Amino acid sequence: MNLGDWLWAMLAFFFWVMALWIFITIFMDVFRRDDIHGGMKALWVLILFILPFLGALIYLITRPKATAQDVRMMAQADAAAKAAAGVSTADELTKLTQLRDAGTITVPEYEKLKGKLLA
């Protein structure tokens, strides 16, 4: 086996792995979506098994860019990011101080948590 044969073999291996990854991704997408139901999911799986490359191409062309489920997931991610960003270090220090004053945590625990917060 010379260098040219080896390079062709690696190129073929790369494309087989890429094709396999595309099929796995399409199957995951078909089963994850909640806007298509059992019969259509079974039909897509059947199409992908009978005509794999053409079926994958048709699925990728006909799939909407953003489904209602995708929009909902993006909105939830944005809301979670905004909620996490809304808590400041000063708020956390105030909560720690209240916990220390109420006796819920000890002074050494307070100092340890304060150090982690300010680091």
Foldseek 3Di string as FASTA:
>chain_A
DDPVVVVVVVVVVVVVVVLVVLVVVVLVVLVPDPVDDDVVSVVLVVCCVVPVPVSSVVCVVPDDPADPVNVVVVVVVVVVVVVVVVDDLVNVLVVLVVCCVVVVDDPVVSVVVNVVSVD
